[in-house]
C-alpha cells in the first residue's frame, strides 16, 4: 500500500511545516507586529482556501478514499491549529486600536480584522464540508470493499471448481452412469451457488 506510505509522509511533512509556521507566527505576534502577523495569516488562509477549493472526487477504491480522508483530516487540523494565531492577532489588534488616535488607521485595522475573521470562518466551513464528504466516501468505499473482496474470492474459487469439473469430465474416456450423475450434481450445485451470488 504505497499510497498510504506516501500519504503518511506528506502528512508528516505538512505537520512539521505547520508547527514551524505556528512558532514563527507566535513570535511575530508577540513582538506586536500586527501587520506582519496579519500578512502571514492572510497568506496562510489564501493557500488554505486554494487547497480547499480544489475538487478531488472521492473514490470507490478503499485505500484512495482513506488517503483522501486522512489528507483532508490533516488539512483541517492545520487550520484549527491556526486558531490561536487568529486569537493572538485579534488581541494584538485590540491593543493597537486602543492606542490608535488616527480614525483612518483605526477603520483600516478594523476592516482587516473583519476580513481575516470572515476568511478564517469560510475556510473552517469549507474544510468541515470537505471532510464530511470524504468521510461519507470512505464509508461507501469500505462497504463496497467488504462486499467486493469476498465476492472476488468466491468467483476465483468458482472458476477453479468449474475448471476442475471440466478437467474431470474430459479425463474420463468412457464415463459410467454414476460418474455422469456425479458431474451433473456438481454442475447443478455450482449453478445454484452462482445464482445465489447474483
C-alpha atoms as a PDB file:
ATOM      1  CA  UNK A   1       0.000   0.000   0.000  1.00  0.00           C
ATOM      2  CA  UNK A   2       2.464   2.564  -1.321  1.00  0.00           C
ATOM      3  CA  UNK A   3      -0.298   5.191  -1.494  1.00  0.00           C
ATOM      4  CA  UNK A   4      -0.747   5.031   2.290  1.00  0.00           C
ATOM      5  CA  UNK A   5       3.033   5.403   2.830  1.00  0.00           C
ATOM      6  CA  UNK A   6       3.176   8.440   0.530  1.00  0.00           C
ATOM      7  CA  UNK A   7       0.101   9.895   2.238  1.00  0.00           C
ATOM      8  CA  UNK A   8       1.727   9.393   5.660  1.00  0.00           C
ATOM      9  CA  UNK A   9       4.979  11.064   4.530  1.00  0.00           C
ATOM     10  CA  UNK A  10       3.026  14.037   3.156  1.00  0.00           C
ATOM     11  CA  UNK A  11       1.051  14.225   6.394  1.00  0.00           C
ATOM     12  CA  UNK A  12       4.236  14.204   8.491  1.00  0.00           C
ATOM     13  CA  UNK A  13       5.829  16.903   6.329  1.00  0.00           C
ATOM     14  CA  UNK A  14       2.742  19.125   6.445  1.00  0.00           C
ATOM     15  CA  UNK A  15       2.578  18.688  10.229  1.00  0.00           C
ATOM     16  CA  UNK A  16       6.231  19.781  10.621  1.00  0.00           C
ATOM     17  CA  UNK A  17       5.699  22.801   8.361  1.00  0.00           C
ATOM     18  CA  UNK A  18       2.554  23.728  10.294  1.00  0.00           C
ATOM     19  CA  UNK A  19       4.418  23.563  13.636  1.00  0.00           C
ATOM     20  CA  UNK A  20       7.223  25.749  12.274  1.00  0.00           C
ATOM     21  CA  UNK A  21       4.787  28.295  10.867  1.00  0.00           C
ATOM     22  CA  UNK A  22       2.833  28.438  14.139  1.00  0.00           C
ATOM     23  CA  UNK A  23       6.052  29.086  16.031  1.00  0.00           C
ATOM     24  CA  UNK A  24       7.046  31.887  13.641  1.00  0.00           C
ATOM     25  CA  UNK A  25       3.545  33.402  13.739  1.00  0.00           C
ATOM     26  CA  UNK A  26       3.511  33.373  17.526  1.00  0.00           C
ATOM     27  CA  UNK A  27       6.879  35.143  17.729  1.00  0.00           C
ATOM     28  CA  UNK A  28       5.824  37.803  15.249  1.00  0.00           C
ATOM     29  CA  UNK A  29       2.547  38.456  17.070  1.00  0.00           C
ATOM     30  CA  UNK A  30       4.241  38.594  20.479  1.00  0.00           C
ATOM     31  CA  UNK A  31       6.569  41.244  19.107  1.00  0.00           C
ATOM     32  CA  UNK A  32       3.435  43.299  18.464  1.00  0.00           C
ATOM     33  CA  UNK A  33       3.888  43.432  14.708  1.00  0.00           C
ATOM     34  CA  UNK A  34       0.230  43.317  13.773  1.00  0.00           C
ATOM     35  CA  UNK A  35       0.807  43.927  10.081  1.00  0.00           C
ATOM     36  CA  UNK A  36       3.327  41.110   9.747  1.00  0.00           C
ATOM     37  CA  UNK A  37       1.070  38.732  11.666  1.00  0.00           C
ATOM     38  CA  UNK A  38      -1.862  39.770   9.527  1.00  0.00           C
ATOM     39  CA  UNK A  39       0.108  39.239   6.303  1.00  0.00           C
ATOM     40  CA  UNK A  40       1.324  35.785   7.398  1.00  0.00           C
ATOM     41  CA  UNK A  41      -2.148  34.636   8.396  1.00  0.00           C
ATOM     42  CA  UNK A  42      -3.686  36.114   5.232  1.00  0.00           C
ATOM     43  CA  UNK A  43      -1.118  34.255   3.116  1.00  0.00           C
ATOM     44  CA  UNK A  44      -1.800  31.018   5.002  1.00  0.00           C
ATOM     45  CA  UNK A  45      -5.571  31.399   4.546  1.00  0.00           C
ATOM     46  CA  UNK A  46      -5.183  32.167   0.816  1.00  0.00           C
ATOM     47  CA  UNK A  47      -3.206  28.927   0.358  1.00  0.00           C
ATOM     48  CA  UNK A  48      -5.683  27.043   2.511  1.00  0.00           C
ATOM     49  CA  UNK A  49      -8.642  28.397   0.516  1.00  0.00           C
ATOM     50  CA  UNK A  50      -6.962  27.318  -2.722  1.00  0.00           C
ATOM     51  CA  UNK A  51      -6.357  23.828  -1.281  1.00  0.00           C
ATOM     52  CA  UNK A  52      -9.937  23.531  -0.067  1.00  0.00           C
ATOM     53  CA  UNK A  53     -11.431  24.837  -3.319  1.00  0.00           C
ATOM     54  CA  UNK A  54      -9.653  22.179  -5.387  1.00  0.00           C
ATOM     55  CA  UNK A  55     -12.141  19.472  -6.346  1.00  0.00           C
ATOM     56  CA  UNK A  56     -10.847  15.957  -5.796  1.00  0.00           C
ATOM     57  CA  UNK A  57     -13.657  13.478  -6.222  1.00  0.00           C
ATOM     58  CA  UNK A  58     -13.859  10.697  -3.686  1.00  0.00           C
ATOM     59  CA  UNK A  59     -13.044   7.215  -4.926  1.00  0.00           C
ATOM     60  CA  UNK A  60     -14.729   3.813  -4.614  1.00  0.00           C
ATOM     61  CA  UNK A  61     -11.204   2.405  -4.154  1.00  0.00           C
ATOM     62  CA  UNK A  62     -10.888   1.977  -0.372  1.00  0.00           C
ATOM     63  CA  UNK A  63      -7.215   2.937   0.000  1.00  0.00           C
ATOM     64  CA  UNK A  64      -7.609   6.043  -2.178  1.00  0.00           C
ATOM     65  CA  UNK A  65     -10.739   7.091  -0.253  1.00  0.00           C
ATOM     66  CA  UNK A  66      -8.874   6.529   3.020  1.00  0.00           C
ATOM     67  CA  UNK A  67      -5.902   8.558   1.794  1.00  0.00           C
ATOM     68  CA  UNK A  68      -8.173  11.453   0.736  1.00  0.00           C
ATOM     69  CA  UNK A  69      -9.938  11.380   4.098  1.00  0.00           C
ATOM     70  CA  UNK A  70      -6.648  11.308   6.051  1.00  0.00           C
ATOM     71  CA  UNK A  71      -5.155  14.124   3.973  1.00  0.00           C
ATOM     72  CA  UNK A  72      -8.258  16.271   4.477  1.00  0.00           C
ATOM     73  CA  UNK A  73      -8.174  15.496   8.201  1.00  0.00           C
ATOM     74  CA  UNK A  74      -4.628  16.846   8.299  1.00  0.00           C
ATOM     75  CA  UNK A  75      -5.644  19.999   6.410  1.00  0.00           C
ATOM     76  CA  UNK A  76      -8.464  20.529   8.924  1.00  0.00           C
ATOM     77  CA  UNK A  77      -6.049  20.031  11.826  1.00  0.00           C
ATOM     78  CA  UNK A  78      -3.604  22.556  10.333  1.00  0.00           C
ATOM     79  CA  UNK A  79      -6.429  25.066  10.036  1.00  0.00           C
ATOM     80  CA  UNK A  80      -7.651  24.516  13.602  1.00  0.00           C
ATOM     81  CA  UNK A  81      -4.057  24.743  14.846  1.00  0.00           C
ATOM     82  CA  UNK A  82      -4.002  28.298  13.470  1.00  0.00           C
ATOM     83  CA  UNK A  83      -6.957  29.386  15.603  1.00  0.00           C
ATOM     84  CA  UNK A  84      -4.628  30.588  18.420  1.00  0.00           C
ATOM     85  CA  UNK A  85      -2.782  32.719  15.838  1.00  0.00           C
ATOM     86  CA  UNK A  86      -6.081  34.347  14.873  1.00  0.00           C
ATOM     87  CA  UNK A  87      -6.935  34.937  18.533  1.00  0.00           C
ATOM     88  CA  UNK A  88      -3.478  36.468  19.123  1.00  0.00           C
ATOM     89  CA  UNK A  89      -3.951  38.668  16.080  1.00  0.00           C
ATOM     90  CA  UNK A  90      -7.316  39.845  17.414  1.00  0.00           C
ATOM     91  CA  UNK A  91      -5.714  40.612  20.799  1.00  0.00           C
ATOM     92  CA  UNK A  92      -2.826  42.464  19.149  1.00  0.00           C
ATOM     93  CA  UNK A  93      -5.340  44.451  17.098  1.00  0.00           C
ATOM     94  CA  UNK A  94      -7.328  45.339  20.231  1.00  0.00           C
ATOM     95  CA  UNK A  95      -4.190  46.743  21.842  1.00  0.00           C
ATOM     96  CA  UNK A  96      -3.311  48.554  18.641  1.00  0.00           C
ATOM     97  CA  UNK A  97      -6.825  50.021  18.342  1.00  0.00           C
ATOM     98  CA  UNK A  98      -6.879  51.065  21.996  1.00  0.00           C
ATOM     99  CA  UNK A  99      -3.832  53.256  21.464  1.00  0.00           C
ATOM    100  CA  UNK A 100      -4.731  54.410  17.954  1.00  0.00           C
ATOM    101  CA  UNK A 101      -5.793  58.018  17.540  1.00  0.00           C
ATOM    102  CA  UNK A 102      -5.950  58.128  13.748  1.00  0.00           C
ATOM    103  CA  UNK A 103      -9.537  57.252  12.775  1.00  0.00           C
ATOM    104  CA  UNK A 104      -8.491  56.254   9.240  1.00  0.00           C
ATOM    105  CA  UNK A 105      -5.929  53.743  10.517  1.00  0.00           C
ATOM    106  CA  UNK A 106      -8.430  52.537  13.100  1.00  0.00           C
ATOM    107  CA  UNK A 107     -11.052  51.871  10.403  1.00  0.00           C
ATOM    108  CA  UNK A 108      -8.421  50.152   8.225  1.00  0.00           C
ATOM    109  CA  UNK A 109      -7.373  47.839  11.085  1.00  0.00           C
ATOM    110  CA  UNK A 110     -10.995  47.018  11.915  1.00  0.00           C
ATOM    111  CA  UNK A 111     -11.659  46.241   8.228  1.00  0.00           C
ATOM    112  CA  UNK A 112      -8.670  43.909   8.108  1.00  0.00           C
ATOM    113  CA  UNK A 113      -9.853  42.147  11.251  1.00  0.00           C
ATOM    114  CA  UNK A 114     -13.356  41.645   9.876  1.00  0.00           C
ATOM    115  CA  UNK A 115     -11.945  40.267   6.625  1.00  0.00           C
ATOM    116  CA  UNK A 116      -9.471  37.857   8.200  1.00  0.00           C
ATOM    117  CA  UNK A 117     -12.043  36.563  10.697  1.00  0.00           C
ATOM    118  CA  UNK A 118     -14.545  36.042   7.859  1.00  0.00           C
ATOM    119  CA  UNK A 119     -11.883  34.297   5.706  1.00  0.00           C
ATOM    120  CA  UNK A 120     -10.958  32.027   8.592  1.00  0.00           C
ATOM    121  CA  UNK A 121     -14.618  31.100   9.206  1.00  0.00           C
ATOM    122  CA  UNK A 122     -15.106  30.423   5.497  1.00  0.00           C
ATOM    123  CA  UNK A 123     -12.070  28.115   5.407  1.00  0.00           C
ATOM    124  CA  UNK A 124     -13.283  26.273   8.518  1.00  0.00           C
ATOM    125  CA  UNK A 125     -16.688  25.763   6.913  1.00  0.00           C
ATOM    126  CA  UNK A 126     -15.198  24.540   3.616  1.00  0.00           C
ATOM    127  CA  UNK A 127     -12.833  22.195   5.467  1.00  0.00           C
ATOM    128  CA  UNK A 128     -15.677  20.734   7.523  1.00  0.00           C
ATOM    129  CA  UNK A 129     -17.823  20.166   4.425  1.00  0.00           C
ATOM    130  CA  UNK A 130     -14.974  18.535   2.536  1.00  0.00           C
ATOM    131  CA  UNK A 131     -14.036  16.266   5.450  1.00  0.00           C
ATOM    132  CA  UNK A 132     -17.671  15.168   5.808  1.00  0.00           C
ATOM    133  CA  UNK A 133     -17.797  14.390   2.076  1.00  0.00           C
ATOM    134  CA  UNK A 134     -14.600  12.310   2.221  1.00  0.00           C
ATOM    135  CA  UNK A 135     -15.856  10.570   5.361  1.00  0.00           C
ATOM    136  CA  UNK A 136     -19.032   9.548   3.529  1.00  0.00           C
ATOM    137  CA  UNK A 137     -16.933   8.429   0.538  1.00  0.00           C
ATOM    138  CA  UNK A 138     -14.732   6.357   2.842  1.00  0.00           C
ATOM    139  CA  UNK A 139     -17.786   4.681   4.413  1.00  0.00           C
ATOM    140  CA  UNK A 140     -19.144   3.790   0.955  1.00  0.00           C
ATOM    141  CA  UNK A 141     -15.732   2.555  -0.234  1.00  0.00           C
ATOM    142  CA  UNK A 142     -15.456   0.380   2.890  1.00  0.00           C
ATOM    143  CA  UNK A 143     -18.932  -1.085   2.262  1.00  0.00           C
ATOM    144  CA  UNK A 144     -18.013  -1.741  -1.367  1.00  0.00           C
ATOM    145  CA  UNK A 145     -14.735  -3.392  -0.378  1.00  0.00           C
ATOM    146  CA  UNK A 146     -16.470  -5.532   2.259  1.00  0.00           C
ATOM    147  CA  UNK A 147     -18.832  -6.873  -0.416  1.00  0.00           C
ATOM    148  CA  UNK A 148     -16.409  -6.928  -3.346  1.00  0.00           C
ATOM    149  CA  UNK A 149     -13.458  -8.749  -1.775  1.00  0.00           C
ATOM    150  CA  UNK A 150     -15.440 -11.813  -0.613  1.00  0.00           C
ATOM    151  CA  UNK A 151     -17.276 -11.895  -3.971  1.00  0.00           C
ATOM    152  CA  UNK A 152     -13.962 -11.830  -5.823  1.00  0.00           C
ATOM    153  CA  UNK A 153     -12.612 -14.651  -3.643  1.00  0.00           C
ATOM    154  CA  UNK A 154     -15.799 -16.674  -4.251  1.00  0.00           C
ATOM    155  CA  UNK A 155     -15.584 -16.017  -8.014  1.00  0.00           C
ATOM    156  CA  UNK A 156     -11.977 -17.247  -8.124  1.00  0.00           C
ATOM    157  CA  UNK A 157     -12.988 -20.398  -6.217  1.00  0.00           C
ATOM    158  CA  UNK A 158     -15.994 -20.962  -8.539  1.00  0.00           C
ATOM    159  CA  UNK A 159     -13.763 -20.642 -11.612  1.00  0.00           C
ATOM    160  CA  UNK A 160     -11.298 -23.148 -10.143  1.00  0.00           C
ATOM    161  CA  UNK A 161     -14.171 -25.554  -9.364  1.00  0.00           C
ATOM    162  CA  UNK A 162     -15.527 -25.239 -12.899  1.00  0.00           C
ATOM    163  CA  UNK A 163     -12.068 -25.811 -14.410  1.00  0.00           C
ATOM    164  CA  UNK A 164     -11.589 -28.862 -12.203  1.00  0.00           C
ATOM    165  CA  UNK A 165     -15.013 -30.261 -13.208  1.00  0.00           C
ATOM    166  CA  UNK A 166     -14.260 -29.660 -16.897  1.00  0.00           C
ATOM    167  CA  UNK A 167     -10.911 -31.390 -16.495  1.00  0.00           C
ATOM    168  CA  UNK A 168     -12.546 -34.367 -14.690  1.00  0.00           C
ATOM    169  CA  UNK A 169     -15.218 -34.750 -17.393  1.00  0.00           C
ATOM    170  CA  UNK A 170     -12.600 -34.709 -20.174  1.00  0.00           C
ATOM    171  CA  UNK A 171     -10.165 -37.070 -18.453  1.00  0.00           C
ATOM    172  CA  UNK A 172     -12.674 -39.949 -18.320  1.00  0.00           C
ATOM    173  CA  UNK A 173     -12.696 -41.627 -21.741  1.00  0.00           C
ATOM    174  CA  UNK A 174     -15.951 -43.542 -21.281  1.00  0.00           C
ATOM    175  CA  UNK A 175     -17.810 -42.272 -18.211  1.00  0.00           C
ATOM    176  CA  UNK A 176     -20.252 -44.581 -16.494  1.00  0.00           C
ATOM    177  CA  UNK A 177     -23.737 -43.568 -15.366  1.00  0.00           C
ATOM    178  CA  UNK A 178     -22.631 -42.939 -11.783  1.00  0.00           C
ATOM    179  CA  UNK A 179     -19.779 -40.548 -12.699  1.00  0.00           C
ATOM    180  CA  UNK A 180     -22.063 -38.723 -15.150  1.00  0.00           C
ATOM    181  CA  UNK A 181     -24.671 -38.336 -12.389  1.00  0.00           C
ATOM    182  CA  UNK A 182     -21.963 -37.002 -10.012  1.00  0.00           C
ATOM    183  CA  UNK A 183     -20.864 -34.453 -12.620  1.00  0.00           C
ATOM    184  CA  UNK A 184     -24.461 -33.356 -13.180  1.00  0.00           C
ATOM    185  CA  UNK A 185     -24.910 -32.875  -9.426  1.00  0.00           C
ATOM    186  CA  UNK A 186     -21.662 -30.858  -9.214  1.00  0.00           C
ATOM    187  CA  UNK A 187     -22.752 -28.577 -12.083  1.00  0.00           C
ATOM    188  CA  UNK A 188     -26.198 -28.137 -10.507  1.00  0.00           C
ATOM    189  CA  UNK A 189     -24.604 -27.255  -7.178  1.00  0.00           C
ATOM    190  CA  UNK A 190     -22.250 -24.752  -8.831  1.00  0.00           C
ATOM    191  CA  UNK A 191     -25.131 -23.298 -10.861  1.00  0.00           C
ATOM    192  CA  UNK A 192     -27.211 -22.841  -7.685  1.00  0.00           C
ATOM    193  CA  UNK A 193     -24.232 -21.187  -5.955  1.00  0.00           C
ATOM    194  CA  UNK A 194     -23.761 -18.781  -8.899  1.00  0.00           C
ATOM    195  CA  UNK A 195     -27.472 -17.852  -8.886  1.00  0.00           C
ATOM    196  CA  UNK A 196     -27.304 -17.128  -5.135  1.00  0.00           C
ATOM    197  CA  UNK A 197     -24.368 -14.759  -5.671  1.00  0.00           C
ATOM    198  CA  UNK A 198     -26.041 -12.774  -8.474  1.00  0.00           C
END
